[in-house]
């Protein structure tokens, strides 16, 4: 494997074992991680401990083990530990952050997708109550062009409420406006956010396309 692949993995491992003070800088209520990953990590480590206990018990009872048994145990133990660490690193480094102004998604290799609500020119939604997703698109240079968030990673309600607010009010919700934020919460509580977004499947917001084209034409002049 080349350094281009191993570098981010090694860096991610290092970052995962920084002090808790540093790790908690992003651990706020608007940061969402996949809980199943930490369960899988601890499950792998517990299985590894169980394998050690079984191996020792079998060795004591049988008076010894063959070389093949030792090798098989070593490989199994390595896999339990390795996958446990990988699940833990994935859990710590991959998350979705949803704020009043933007949505950010970071993956295992710390690659980031980020889009500001005010810059969204289109969104697409798919799925059902079991699993759903929403993709936000933007032409603005302030973000990364698009961001995909699924219900496995985070609750989609706030993002959906932002889209409904834009469709109904024909403007974007102000981050510092209590009235706007209360309206977003009403959309979420009533179920209107989910129903409108999922039934529409998506929408285009052409004012941001115009801003992008105007800005490119100004640069050309």
N, C-alpha and C. Protein backbone atom coordinates (compact mmCIF):
# COMPACT_ATOMS: atom_id res chain seq x y z
N UNK A 1 0.85 -1.20 0.00
CA UNK A 1 0.00 0.00 0.00
C UNK A 1 0.88 1.25 0.00
N UNK A 2 0.47 2.27 -0.72
CA UNK A 2 1.30 3.46 -0.79
C UNK A 2 0.96 4.42 0.33
N UNK A 3 1.82 5.46 0.46
CA UNK A 3 1.66 6.42 1.54
C UNK A 3 0.38 7.23 1.40
N UNK A 4 -0.10 7.39 0.16
CA UNK A 4 -1.31 8.18 -0.05
C UNK A 4 -2.50 7.55 0.66
N UNK A 5 -2.49 6.20 0.78
CA UNK A 5 -3.59 5.53 1.48
C UNK A 5 -3.29 5.39 2.96
N UNK A 6 -2.04 4.99 3.31
CA UNK A 6 -1.70 4.73 4.69
C UNK A 6 -1.60 6.00 5.53
N UNK A 7 -1.19 7.11 4.89
CA UNK A 7 -1.00 8.36 5.63
C UNK A 7 -2.22 8.79 6.41
N UNK A 8 -3.39 8.92 5.75
CA UNK A 8 -4.58 9.34 6.50
C UNK A 8 -4.99 8.36 7.58
N UNK A 9 -4.80 7.04 7.33
CA UNK A 9 -5.16 6.03 8.34
C UNK A 9 -4.30 6.19 9.58
N UNK A 10 -2.96 6.33 9.37
CA UNK A 10 -2.04 6.47 10.50
C UNK A 10 -2.33 7.75 11.26
N UNK A 11 -2.58 8.82 10.51
CA UNK A 11 -2.91 10.10 11.13
C UNK A 11 -4.19 10.00 11.93
N UNK A 12 -5.18 9.28 11.38
CA UNK A 12 -6.45 9.11 12.08
C UNK A 12 -6.26 8.33 13.37
N UNK A 13 -5.42 7.29 13.33
CA UNK A 13 -5.14 6.52 14.54
C UNK A 13 -4.50 7.40 15.61
N UNK A 14 -3.54 8.24 15.17
CA UNK A 14 -2.88 9.12 16.12
C UNK A 14 -3.84 10.09 16.75
N UNK A 15 -4.70 10.67 15.95
CA UNK A 15 -5.65 11.65 16.46
C UNK A 15 -6.64 11.03 17.43
N UNK A 16 -6.95 9.75 17.22
CA UNK A 16 -7.93 9.10 18.07
C UNK A 16 -7.46 8.95 19.51
N UNK A 17 -6.14 8.97 19.72
CA UNK A 17 -5.60 8.76 21.05
C UNK A 17 -4.99 10.02 21.63
N UNK A 18 -5.42 11.19 21.11
CA UNK A 18 -5.07 12.45 21.73
C UNK A 18 -5.81 12.56 23.05
N UNK A 19 -5.48 13.57 23.80
CA UNK A 19 -6.15 13.77 25.09
C UNK A 19 -7.64 13.98 24.89
N UNK A 20 -8.43 13.61 25.91
CA UNK A 20 -9.88 13.77 25.84
C UNK A 20 -10.24 15.24 25.68
N UNK A 21 -9.42 16.12 26.21
CA UNK A 21 -9.72 17.54 26.08
C UNK A 21 -9.73 17.97 24.63
N UNK A 22 -8.76 17.50 23.87
CA UNK A 22 -8.70 17.84 22.45
C UNK A 22 -9.79 17.15 21.66
N UNK A 23 -10.08 15.89 21.99
CA UNK A 23 -11.08 15.15 21.25
C UNK A 23 -12.46 15.76 21.44
N UNK A 24 -12.72 16.35 22.62
CA UNK A 24 -14.04 16.87 22.91
C UNK A 24 -14.31 18.24 22.30
N UNK A 25 -13.37 18.78 21.57
CA UNK A 25 -13.59 20.09 20.95
C UNK A 25 -14.74 20.06 19.96
N UNK A 26 -14.97 18.90 19.31
CA UNK A 26 -16.08 18.79 18.38
C UNK A 26 -17.23 17.96 18.94
N UNK A 27 -17.09 17.48 20.17
CA UNK A 27 -18.12 16.61 20.75
C UNK A 27 -19.22 17.44 21.40
N UNK A 28 -19.97 18.15 20.59
CA UNK A 28 -21.08 18.95 21.08
C UNK A 28 -22.38 18.31 20.60
N UNK A 29 -23.49 18.90 21.04
CA UNK A 29 -24.77 18.28 20.73
C UNK A 29 -25.08 18.28 19.24
N UNK A 30 -24.44 19.16 18.46
CA UNK A 30 -24.73 19.20 17.03
C UNK A 30 -23.79 18.30 16.23
N UNK A 31 -22.97 17.52 16.89
CA UNK A 31 -22.08 16.56 16.23
C UNK A 31 -22.68 15.16 16.40
N UNK A 32 -22.88 14.48 15.28
CA UNK A 32 -23.53 13.16 15.30
C UNK A 32 -22.56 12.09 14.81
N UNK A 33 -22.43 11.04 15.61
CA UNK A 33 -21.61 9.90 15.24
C UNK A 33 -22.48 8.64 15.16
N UNK A 34 -21.95 7.60 14.51
CA UNK A 34 -22.70 6.35 14.35
C UNK A 34 -22.44 5.46 15.56
N UNK A 35 -23.45 5.33 16.43
CA UNK A 35 -23.29 4.58 17.66
C UNK A 35 -22.94 3.12 17.46
N UNK A 36 -23.40 2.53 16.36
CA UNK A 36 -23.12 1.11 16.12
C UNK A 36 -21.62 0.84 15.98
N UNK A 37 -20.86 1.86 15.55
CA UNK A 37 -19.42 1.65 15.37
C UNK A 37 -18.72 1.44 16.71
N UNK A 38 -19.08 2.21 17.73
CA UNK A 38 -18.42 2.03 19.03
C UNK A 38 -18.86 0.71 19.66
N UNK A 39 -20.11 0.30 19.39
CA UNK A 39 -20.56 -1.01 19.87
C UNK A 39 -19.76 -2.13 19.20
N UNK A 40 -19.53 -1.97 17.88
CA UNK A 40 -18.74 -2.97 17.15
C UNK A 40 -17.31 -3.01 17.66
N UNK A 41 -16.75 -1.83 17.99
CA UNK A 41 -15.37 -1.79 18.50
C UNK A 41 -15.26 -2.54 19.82
N UNK A 42 -16.12 -2.20 20.77
CA UNK A 42 -16.08 -2.89 22.06
C UNK A 42 -16.43 -4.36 21.92
N UNK A 43 -17.32 -4.67 21.00
CA UNK A 43 -17.67 -6.08 20.76
C UNK A 43 -16.47 -6.87 20.28
N UNK A 44 -15.67 -6.28 19.39
CA UNK A 44 -14.46 -6.96 18.89
C UNK A 44 -13.46 -7.20 20.01
N UNK A 45 -13.27 -6.18 20.86
CA UNK A 45 -12.32 -6.33 21.96
C UNK A 45 -12.80 -7.35 22.98
N UNK A 46 -14.09 -7.35 23.27
CA UNK A 46 -14.64 -8.35 24.21
C UNK A 46 -14.50 -9.75 23.65
N UNK A 47 -14.73 -9.88 22.34
CA UNK A 47 -14.56 -11.19 21.70
C UNK A 47 -13.10 -11.64 21.79
N UNK A 48 -12.19 -10.67 21.64
CA UNK A 48 -10.77 -10.99 21.76
C UNK A 48 -10.42 -11.49 23.15
N UNK A 49 -10.97 -10.82 24.17
CA UNK A 49 -10.73 -11.25 25.55
C UNK A 49 -11.32 -12.64 25.79
N UNK A 50 -12.53 -12.86 25.25
CA UNK A 50 -13.16 -14.17 25.38
C UNK A 50 -12.33 -15.26 24.72
N UNK A 51 -11.74 -14.93 23.55
CA UNK A 51 -10.91 -15.92 22.86
C UNK A 51 -9.68 -16.27 23.69
N UNK A 52 -9.10 -15.28 24.37
CA UNK A 52 -7.93 -15.55 25.22
C UNK A 52 -8.31 -16.50 26.36
N UNK A 53 -9.45 -16.22 27.00
CA UNK A 53 -9.89 -17.07 28.12
C UNK A 53 -10.14 -18.51 27.64
N UNK A 54 -10.81 -18.63 26.49
CA UNK A 54 -11.08 -19.97 25.96
C UNK A 54 -9.78 -20.69 25.60
N UNK A 55 -8.84 -19.95 25.02
CA UNK A 55 -7.57 -20.56 24.61
C UNK A 55 -6.79 -21.06 25.84
N UNK A 56 -6.75 -20.21 26.87
CA UNK A 56 -6.03 -20.62 28.08
C UNK A 56 -6.70 -21.84 28.71
N UNK A 57 -8.04 -21.80 28.79
CA UNK A 57 -8.76 -22.92 29.37
C UNK A 57 -8.53 -24.20 28.60
N UNK A 58 -8.55 -24.10 27.27
CA UNK A 58 -8.33 -25.28 26.44
C UNK A 58 -6.91 -25.81 26.58
N UNK A 59 -5.95 -24.87 26.70
CA UNK A 59 -4.56 -25.28 26.84
C UNK A 59 -4.33 -26.01 28.16
N UNK A 60 -4.90 -25.47 29.23
CA UNK A 60 -4.75 -26.10 30.55
C UNK A 60 -5.41 -27.48 30.58
N UNK A 61 -6.61 -27.57 30.02
CA UNK A 61 -7.35 -28.83 30.07
C UNK A 61 -6.74 -29.92 29.20
N UNK A 62 -6.18 -29.51 28.06
CA UNK A 62 -5.64 -30.50 27.13
C UNK A 62 -4.15 -30.75 27.34
N UNK A 63 -3.53 -29.95 28.20
CA UNK A 63 -2.10 -30.14 28.46
C UNK A 63 -1.21 -29.56 27.39
N UNK A 64 -1.76 -28.73 26.53
CA UNK A 64 -0.95 -28.10 25.47
C UNK A 64 -1.71 -28.04 24.16
N UNK A 65 -1.19 -27.26 23.24
CA UNK A 65 -1.81 -27.12 21.93
C UNK A 65 -0.76 -27.26 20.83
N UNK A 66 -1.23 -27.61 19.64
CA UNK A 66 -0.32 -27.76 18.52
C UNK A 66 0.09 -26.40 17.98
N UNK A 67 1.12 -26.38 17.13
CA UNK A 67 1.60 -25.15 16.53
C UNK A 67 0.50 -24.51 15.68
N UNK A 68 -0.25 -25.35 14.97
CA UNK A 68 -1.34 -24.83 14.13
C UNK A 68 -2.38 -24.10 14.97
N UNK A 69 -2.66 -24.64 16.17
CA UNK A 69 -3.64 -24.00 17.06
C UNK A 69 -3.13 -22.65 17.53
N UNK A 70 -1.84 -22.58 17.88
CA UNK A 70 -1.25 -21.31 18.31
C UNK A 70 -1.33 -20.27 17.19
N UNK A 71 -1.02 -20.71 15.96
CA UNK A 71 -1.06 -19.78 14.83
C UNK A 71 -2.48 -19.28 14.58
N UNK A 72 -3.44 -20.22 14.60
CA UNK A 72 -4.84 -19.84 14.38
C UNK A 72 -5.31 -18.86 15.46
N UNK A 73 -4.92 -19.12 16.72
CA UNK A 73 -5.30 -18.23 17.80
C UNK A 73 -4.67 -16.84 17.61
N UNK A 74 -3.40 -16.82 17.23
CA UNK A 74 -2.71 -15.54 17.03
C UNK A 74 -3.36 -14.71 15.93
N UNK A 75 -3.72 -15.37 14.83
CA UNK A 75 -4.37 -14.65 13.72
C UNK A 75 -5.73 -14.12 14.16
N UNK A 76 -6.52 -14.96 14.84
CA UNK A 76 -7.84 -14.54 15.29
C UNK A 76 -7.74 -13.37 16.27
N UNK A 77 -6.78 -13.45 17.19
CA UNK A 77 -6.62 -12.38 18.18
C UNK A 77 -6.21 -11.07 17.50
N UNK A 78 -5.32 -11.16 16.53
CA UNK A 78 -4.90 -9.96 15.79
C UNK A 78 -6.10 -9.32 15.10
N UNK A 79 -6.94 -10.15 14.47
CA UNK A 79 -8.10 -9.62 13.75
C UNK A 79 -9.09 -8.95 14.70
N UNK A 80 -9.32 -9.57 15.86
CA UNK A 80 -10.22 -8.95 16.84
C UNK A 80 -9.70 -7.57 17.25
N UNK A 81 -8.41 -7.48 17.56
CA UNK A 81 -7.82 -6.21 18.00
C UNK A 81 -7.83 -5.19 16.86
N UNK A 82 -7.42 -5.65 15.66
CA UNK A 82 -7.33 -4.74 14.51
C UNK A 82 -8.70 -4.14 14.17
N UNK A 83 -9.72 -5.01 14.04
CA UNK A 83 -11.04 -4.50 13.69
C UNK A 83 -11.63 -3.64 14.80
N UNK A 84 -11.31 -3.98 16.04
CA UNK A 84 -11.75 -3.13 17.15
C UNK A 84 -11.18 -1.73 17.03
N UNK A 85 -9.88 -1.62 16.74
CA UNK A 85 -9.26 -0.31 16.57
C UNK A 85 -9.83 0.43 15.36
N UNK A 86 -10.06 -0.29 14.26
CA UNK A 86 -10.58 0.36 13.06
C UNK A 86 -11.99 0.90 13.29
N UNK A 87 -12.84 0.11 13.96
CA UNK A 87 -14.19 0.59 14.27
C UNK A 87 -14.13 1.81 15.19
N UNK A 88 -13.18 1.78 16.16
CA UNK A 88 -13.05 2.89 17.10
C UNK A 88 -12.59 4.16 16.37
N UNK A 89 -11.60 4.02 15.50
CA UNK A 89 -11.09 5.17 14.73
C UNK A 89 -12.19 5.72 13.83
N UNK A 90 -12.94 4.83 13.20
CA UNK A 90 -14.04 5.25 12.33
C UNK A 90 -15.07 6.04 13.14
N UNK A 91 -15.39 5.53 14.34
CA UNK A 91 -16.35 6.20 15.20
C UNK A 91 -15.87 7.60 15.59
N UNK A 92 -14.59 7.72 15.96
CA UNK A 92 -14.07 9.00 16.44
C UNK A 92 -13.87 10.01 15.32
N UNK A 93 -13.45 9.55 14.14
CA UNK A 93 -13.06 10.48 13.09
C UNK A 93 -14.17 10.81 12.09
N UNK A 94 -15.15 9.94 11.98
CA UNK A 94 -16.24 10.19 11.02
C UNK A 94 -17.46 10.72 11.77
N UNK A 95 -17.94 11.87 11.36
CA UNK A 95 -19.12 12.43 12.01
C UNK A 95 -19.82 13.42 11.09
N UNK A 96 -21.02 13.78 11.48
CA UNK A 96 -21.79 14.82 10.79
C UNK A 96 -22.03 15.94 11.79
N UNK A 97 -21.74 17.16 11.38
CA UNK A 97 -21.97 18.32 12.24
C UNK A 97 -23.03 19.21 11.59
N UNK A 98 -24.12 19.44 12.31
CA UNK A 98 -25.23 20.25 11.79
C UNK A 98 -25.38 21.48 12.67
N UNK A 99 -25.18 22.65 12.10
CA UNK A 99 -25.33 23.90 12.85
C UNK A 99 -26.45 24.73 12.23
N UNK A 100 -26.65 25.91 12.76
CA UNK A 100 -27.69 26.78 12.21
C UNK A 100 -27.30 27.37 10.85
N UNK A 101 -26.02 27.27 10.50
CA UNK A 101 -25.58 27.89 9.26
C UNK A 101 -25.04 26.91 8.21
N UNK A 102 -24.59 25.74 8.63
CA UNK A 102 -24.01 24.81 7.65
C UNK A 102 -24.15 23.37 8.09
N UNK A 103 -23.90 22.47 7.12
CA UNK A 103 -23.83 21.02 7.38
C UNK A 103 -22.44 20.55 6.96
N UNK A 104 -21.79 19.81 7.83
CA UNK A 104 -20.44 19.30 7.54
C UNK A 104 -20.42 17.80 7.79
N UNK A 105 -19.81 17.09 6.88
CA UNK A 105 -19.65 15.64 7.04
C UNK A 105 -18.18 15.29 6.88
N UNK A 106 -17.63 14.49 7.81
CA UNK A 106 -16.23 14.05 7.72
C UNK A 106 -16.19 12.53 7.76
N UNK A 107 -15.35 11.92 6.90
CA UNK A 107 -15.31 10.46 6.84
C UNK A 107 -14.10 9.92 7.59
N UNK A 108 -13.89 8.62 7.50
CA UNK A 108 -12.81 7.95 8.21
C UNK A 108 -11.46 8.56 7.92
N UNK A 109 -11.22 8.95 6.66
CA UNK A 109 -9.93 9.50 6.26
C UNK A 109 -9.87 11.02 6.43
N UNK A 110 -10.85 11.58 7.14
CA UNK A 110 -10.92 13.00 7.46
C UNK A 110 -11.14 13.88 6.24
N UNK A 111 -11.75 13.30 5.19
CA UNK A 111 -12.16 14.11 4.05
C UNK A 111 -13.47 14.79 4.40
N UNK A 112 -13.57 16.06 4.08
CA UNK A 112 -14.70 16.87 4.55
C UNK A 112 -15.59 17.31 3.39
N UNK A 113 -16.90 17.22 3.62
CA UNK A 113 -17.91 17.83 2.75
C UNK A 113 -18.62 18.89 3.59
N UNK A 114 -18.79 20.08 3.03
CA UNK A 114 -19.40 21.16 3.80
C UNK A 114 -20.21 22.07 2.88
N UNK A 115 -21.44 22.38 3.28
CA UNK A 115 -22.29 23.28 2.51
C UNK A 115 -23.03 24.20 3.48
N UNK A 116 -23.04 25.50 3.17
CA UNK A 116 -23.80 26.48 3.94
C UNK A 116 -25.24 26.51 3.44
N UNK A 117 -26.19 26.56 4.37
CA UNK A 117 -27.60 26.58 3.97
C UNK A 117 -27.89 27.72 2.99
N UNK A 118 -27.37 28.91 3.26
CA UNK A 118 -27.68 30.07 2.43
C UNK A 118 -27.16 29.94 1.00
N UNK A 119 -26.25 28.99 0.78
CA UNK A 119 -25.66 28.80 -0.55
C UNK A 119 -26.27 27.63 -1.32
N UNK A 120 -27.21 26.91 -0.70
CA UNK A 120 -27.80 25.73 -1.36
C UNK A 120 -28.60 26.17 -2.59
N UNK A 121 -28.29 25.57 -3.73
CA UNK A 121 -29.08 25.88 -4.93
C UNK A 121 -29.97 24.70 -5.35
N UNK A 122 -29.81 23.56 -4.65
CA UNK A 122 -30.62 22.39 -4.99
C UNK A 122 -30.45 21.35 -3.89
N UNK A 123 -31.51 20.59 -3.63
CA UNK A 123 -31.37 19.45 -2.73
C UNK A 123 -32.17 18.29 -3.30
N UNK A 124 -31.75 17.09 -2.95
CA UNK A 124 -32.45 15.88 -3.33
C UNK A 124 -32.60 14.99 -2.10
N UNK A 125 -33.80 14.39 -1.95
CA UNK A 125 -34.07 13.53 -0.80
C UNK A 125 -34.55 12.17 -1.28
N UNK A 126 -34.26 11.14 -0.52
CA UNK A 126 -34.66 9.78 -0.90
C UNK A 126 -34.85 8.93 0.35
N UNK A 127 -35.52 7.79 0.19
CA UNK A 127 -35.62 6.82 1.27
C UNK A 127 -37.00 6.75 1.90
N UNK A 128 -37.04 6.16 3.11
CA UNK A 128 -38.28 5.97 3.85
C UNK A 128 -38.00 6.12 5.34
N UNK A 129 -38.96 5.73 6.17
CA UNK A 129 -38.80 5.91 7.61
C UNK A 129 -37.65 5.07 8.18
N UNK A 130 -37.36 3.95 7.54
CA UNK A 130 -36.28 3.09 8.03
C UNK A 130 -34.91 3.69 7.73
N UNK A 131 -34.74 4.17 6.51
CA UNK A 131 -33.46 4.77 6.12
C UNK A 131 -33.70 5.80 5.03
N UNK A 132 -33.18 6.98 5.27
CA UNK A 132 -33.38 8.07 4.32
C UNK A 132 -32.09 8.87 4.20
N UNK A 133 -32.06 9.73 3.19
CA UNK A 133 -30.88 10.57 3.00
C UNK A 133 -31.25 11.86 2.31
N UNK A 134 -30.39 12.84 2.42
CA UNK A 134 -30.60 14.11 1.75
C UNK A 134 -29.25 14.63 1.26
N UNK A 135 -29.23 15.15 0.05
CA UNK A 135 -28.01 15.70 -0.54
C UNK A 135 -28.24 17.18 -0.80
N UNK A 136 -27.35 18.02 -0.27
CA UNK A 136 -27.39 19.46 -0.52
C UNK A 136 -26.32 19.82 -1.54
N UNK A 137 -26.68 20.64 -2.52
CA UNK A 137 -25.74 21.06 -3.56
C UNK A 137 -25.54 22.57 -3.48
N UNK A 138 -24.33 23.00 -3.82
CA UNK A 138 -24.02 24.43 -3.80
C UNK A 138 -22.93 24.72 -4.81
N UNK A 139 -23.05 25.87 -5.48
CA UNK A 139 -22.01 26.31 -6.41
C UNK A 139 -21.02 27.26 -5.76
N UNK A 140 -21.28 27.59 -4.49
CA UNK A 140 -20.43 28.57 -3.81
C UNK A 140 -19.05 28.00 -3.51
N UNK A 141 -18.04 28.85 -3.60
CA UNK A 141 -16.67 28.44 -3.28
C UNK A 141 -16.46 28.32 -1.78
N UNK A 142 -17.45 28.77 -0.98
CA UNK A 142 -17.32 28.70 0.48
C UNK A 142 -17.42 27.27 0.99
N UNK A 143 -18.04 26.37 0.21
CA UNK A 143 -18.18 24.99 0.65
C UNK A 143 -17.44 24.04 -0.28
N UNK A 144 -17.89 22.77 -0.28
CA UNK A 144 -17.22 21.76 -1.10
C UNK A 144 -18.08 21.31 -2.28
N UNK A 145 -19.19 21.98 -2.53
CA UNK A 145 -20.02 21.63 -3.68
C UNK A 145 -21.23 20.79 -3.36
N UNK A 146 -21.10 19.86 -2.42
CA UNK A 146 -22.23 19.03 -2.03
C UNK A 146 -21.92 18.35 -0.71
N UNK A 147 -22.99 17.91 -0.05
CA UNK A 147 -22.83 17.12 1.17
C UNK A 147 -23.99 16.14 1.25
N UNK A 148 -23.68 14.89 1.55
CA UNK A 148 -24.69 13.84 1.69
C UNK A 148 -24.79 13.45 3.16
N UNK A 149 -26.01 13.44 3.69
CA UNK A 149 -26.24 13.01 5.06
C UNK A 149 -27.35 11.96 5.04
N UNK A 150 -27.13 10.84 5.74
CA UNK A 150 -28.15 9.79 5.81
C UNK A 150 -28.67 9.70 7.24
N UNK A 151 -29.83 9.08 7.39
CA UNK A 151 -30.44 8.93 8.72
C UNK A 151 -29.65 7.97 9.59
N UNK A 152 -28.76 7.16 9.00
CA UNK A 152 -27.89 6.30 9.79
C UNK A 152 -26.86 7.14 10.52
N UNK A 153 -26.44 8.25 9.91
CA UNK A 153 -25.40 9.10 10.49
C UNK A 153 -25.95 10.14 11.46
N UNK A 154 -27.12 10.69 11.16
CA UNK A 154 -27.65 11.78 11.98
C UNK A 154 -29.14 11.95 11.72
N UNK A 155 -29.80 12.69 12.62
CA UNK A 155 -31.19 13.06 12.39
C UNK A 155 -31.24 14.08 11.26
N UNK A 156 -32.16 13.87 10.33
CA UNK A 156 -32.27 14.75 9.17
C UNK A 156 -33.26 15.89 9.40
N UNK A 157 -33.94 15.91 10.55
CA UNK A 157 -35.06 16.82 10.74
C UNK A 157 -34.68 18.30 10.62
N UNK A 158 -33.54 18.69 11.19
CA UNK A 158 -33.18 20.11 11.13
C UNK A 158 -32.87 20.53 9.69
N UNK A 159 -32.18 19.66 8.96
CA UNK A 159 -31.87 19.97 7.56
C UNK A 159 -33.16 20.05 6.76
N UNK A 160 -34.06 19.10 7.01
CA UNK A 160 -35.35 19.10 6.30
C UNK A 160 -36.15 20.37 6.63
N UNK A 161 -36.11 20.78 7.90
CA UNK A 161 -36.83 21.99 8.30
C UNK A 161 -36.28 23.22 7.59
N UNK A 162 -34.96 23.28 7.42
CA UNK A 162 -34.34 24.39 6.70
C UNK A 162 -34.83 24.44 5.25
N UNK A 163 -34.95 23.27 4.62
CA UNK A 163 -35.41 23.22 3.24
C UNK A 163 -36.88 23.65 3.13
N UNK A 164 -37.71 23.20 4.09
CA UNK A 164 -39.12 23.57 4.08
C UNK A 164 -39.27 25.08 4.32
N UNK A 165 -38.48 25.61 5.24
CA UNK A 165 -38.53 27.06 5.50
C UNK A 165 -38.23 27.83 4.22
N UNK A 166 -37.21 27.40 3.49
CA UNK A 166 -36.85 28.09 2.24
C UNK A 166 -37.97 27.98 1.20
N UNK A 167 -38.59 26.81 1.12
CA UNK A 167 -39.65 26.61 0.13
C UNK A 167 -40.89 27.43 0.47
N UNK A 168 -41.22 27.52 1.75
CA UNK A 168 -42.44 28.22 2.14
C UNK A 168 -42.24 29.73 2.30
N UNK A 169 -41.11 30.13 2.87
CA UNK A 169 -40.88 31.55 3.16
C UNK A 169 -40.13 32.27 2.04
N UNK A 170 -39.59 31.51 1.10
CA UNK A 170 -38.82 32.05 -0.03
C UNK A 170 -37.62 32.86 0.43
N UNK A 171 -37.05 32.44 1.53
CA UNK A 171 -35.80 33.00 2.03
C UNK A 171 -35.22 31.98 2.99
N UNK A 172 -33.98 32.18 3.39
CA UNK A 172 -33.34 31.25 4.31
C UNK A 172 -33.53 31.71 5.74
N UNK A 173 -33.64 30.78 6.66
CA UNK A 173 -33.80 31.09 8.07
C UNK A 173 -32.54 31.79 8.60
N UNK A 174 -32.74 32.83 9.38
CA UNK A 174 -31.62 33.55 9.99
C UNK A 174 -31.14 32.79 11.22
N UNK A 175 -29.84 32.58 11.28
CA UNK A 175 -29.27 31.83 12.40
C UNK A 175 -29.49 32.53 13.74
N UNK A 176 -29.51 33.86 13.74
CA UNK A 176 -29.64 34.61 14.99
C UNK A 176 -31.07 35.03 15.30
N UNK A 177 -32.02 34.61 14.48
CA UNK A 177 -33.41 34.99 14.69
C UNK A 177 -34.15 33.92 15.49
N UNK A 178 -34.60 34.29 16.69
CA UNK A 178 -35.36 33.34 17.50
C UNK A 178 -36.66 32.93 16.82
N UNK A 179 -37.29 33.90 16.14
CA UNK A 179 -38.55 33.59 15.45
C UNK A 179 -38.33 32.55 14.35
N UNK A 180 -37.26 32.73 13.56
CA UNK A 180 -36.97 31.77 12.49
C UNK A 180 -36.65 30.40 13.06
N UNK A 181 -35.86 30.37 14.12
CA UNK A 181 -35.49 29.08 14.71
C UNK A 181 -36.69 28.40 15.37
N UNK A 182 -37.60 29.19 15.94
CA UNK A 182 -38.82 28.61 16.49
C UNK A 182 -39.67 28.00 15.38
N UNK A 183 -39.71 28.66 14.24
CA UNK A 183 -40.47 28.13 13.11
C UNK A 183 -39.88 26.81 12.62
N UNK A 184 -38.55 26.73 12.60
CA UNK A 184 -37.88 25.49 12.22
C UNK A 184 -38.26 24.37 13.18
N UNK A 185 -38.27 24.69 14.48
CA UNK A 185 -38.64 23.67 15.47
C UNK A 185 -40.09 23.23 15.29
N UNK A 186 -40.95 24.16 14.93
CA UNK A 186 -42.35 23.80 14.67
C UNK A 186 -42.46 22.84 13.49
N UNK A 187 -41.69 23.11 12.42
CA UNK A 187 -41.68 22.20 11.27
C UNK A 187 -41.25 20.80 11.70
N UNK A 188 -40.26 20.75 12.59
CA UNK A 188 -39.74 19.45 13.02
C UNK A 188 -40.74 18.71 13.90
N UNK A 189 -41.33 19.43 14.87
CA UNK A 189 -42.26 18.79 15.80
C UNK A 189 -43.54 18.31 15.11
N UNK A 190 -44.02 19.08 14.17
CA UNK A 190 -45.29 18.76 13.50
C UNK A 190 -45.17 17.63 12.48
N UNK A 191 -43.94 17.32 12.09
CA UNK A 191 -43.74 16.32 11.04
C UNK A 191 -43.78 16.90 9.64
N UNK A 192 -44.02 18.21 9.56
CA UNK A 192 -44.11 18.87 8.25
C UNK A 192 -42.77 18.84 7.53
N UNK A 193 -41.69 18.96 8.29
CA UNK A 193 -40.36 18.94 7.68
C UNK A 193 -40.14 17.65 6.91
N UNK A 194 -40.42 16.52 7.59
CA UNK A 194 -40.24 15.21 6.95
C UNK A 194 -41.18 15.05 5.76
N UNK A 195 -42.45 15.31 5.97
CA UNK A 195 -43.45 15.05 4.93
C UNK A 195 -43.20 15.86 3.66
N UNK A 196 -42.94 17.14 3.80
CA UNK A 196 -42.76 17.98 2.62
C UNK A 196 -41.50 17.64 1.85
N UNK A 197 -40.42 17.41 2.58
CA UNK A 197 -39.15 17.12 1.91
C UNK A 197 -39.21 15.76 1.21
N UNK A 198 -39.71 14.73 1.90
CA UNK A 198 -39.71 13.40 1.32
C UNK A 198 -40.73 13.27 0.20
N UNK A 199 -41.84 13.98 0.32
CA UNK A 199 -42.85 13.90 -0.75
C UNK A 199 -42.41 14.67 -1.99
N UNK A 200 -41.67 15.75 -1.79
CA UNK A 200 -41.20 16.53 -2.94
C UNK A 200 -40.03 15.86 -3.63
N UNK A 201 -39.21 15.16 -2.86
CA UNK A 201 -38.02 14.51 -3.42
C UNK A 201 -36.88 15.46 -3.72
N UNK A 202 -37.14 16.76 -3.58
CA UNK A 202 -36.09 17.73 -3.84
C UNK A 202 -36.65 19.03 -4.37
N UNK A 203 -35.78 20.03 -4.50
CA UNK A 203 -36.19 21.33 -5.03
C UNK A 203 -34.96 22.09 -5.50
N UNK A 204 -35.18 23.04 -6.40
CA UNK A 204 -34.11 23.93 -6.87
C UNK A 204 -34.34 25.33 -6.32
N UNK A 205 -33.27 26.01 -5.97
CA UNK A 205 -33.34 27.38 -5.49
C UNK A 205 -32.52 28.26 -6.42
N UNK A 206 -33.14 28.77 -7.47
CA UNK A 206 -32.41 29.40 -8.57
C UNK A 206 -31.68 30.68 -8.20
N UNK A 207 -32.03 31.33 -7.08
CA UNK A 207 -31.34 32.58 -6.77
C UNK A 207 -29.85 32.36 -6.53
N UNK A 208 -29.50 31.18 -6.03
CA UNK A 208 -28.08 30.91 -5.81
C UNK A 208 -27.37 30.56 -7.11
N UNK A 209 -28.10 30.01 -8.09
CA UNK A 209 -27.51 29.81 -9.42
C UNK A 209 -27.23 31.17 -10.06
N UNK A 210 -28.14 32.10 -9.86
CA UNK A 210 -27.95 33.44 -10.43
C UNK A 210 -26.75 34.12 -9.79
N UNK A 211 -26.62 33.96 -8.46
CA UNK A 211 -25.48 34.58 -7.78
C UNK A 211 -24.17 34.03 -8.34
N UNK A 212 -24.17 32.70 -8.58
CA UNK A 212 -22.95 32.08 -9.09
C UNK A 212 -22.63 32.59 -10.48
N UNK A 213 -23.68 32.71 -11.36
CA UNK A 213 -23.43 33.15 -12.72
C UNK A 213 -23.04 34.62 -12.76
N UNK A 214 -23.66 35.43 -11.86
CA UNK A 214 -23.31 36.84 -11.83
C UNK A 214 -21.87 37.02 -11.40
N UNK A 215 -21.49 36.23 -10.38
CA UNK A 215 -20.13 36.38 -9.88
C UNK A 215 -19.11 35.97 -10.91
N UNK A 216 -19.42 34.91 -11.73
CA UNK A 216 -18.47 34.50 -12.78
C UNK A 216 -18.39 35.53 -13.88
N UNK A 217 -19.56 36.17 -14.20
CA UNK A 217 -19.55 37.18 -15.25
C UNK A 217 -18.78 38.42 -14.79
N UNK A 218 -18.89 38.75 -13.49
CA UNK A 218 -18.14 39.90 -12.96
C UNK A 218 -16.63 39.64 -13.04
N UNK A 219 -16.25 38.40 -12.74
CA UNK A 219 -14.83 38.07 -12.81
C UNK A 219 -14.33 38.15 -14.25
N UNK A 220 -15.23 37.74 -15.20
CA UNK A 220 -14.84 37.79 -16.61
C UNK A 220 -14.64 39.23 -17.08
N UNK A 221 -15.44 40.17 -16.48
CA UNK A 221 -15.29 41.57 -16.86
C UNK A 221 -14.08 42.19 -16.18
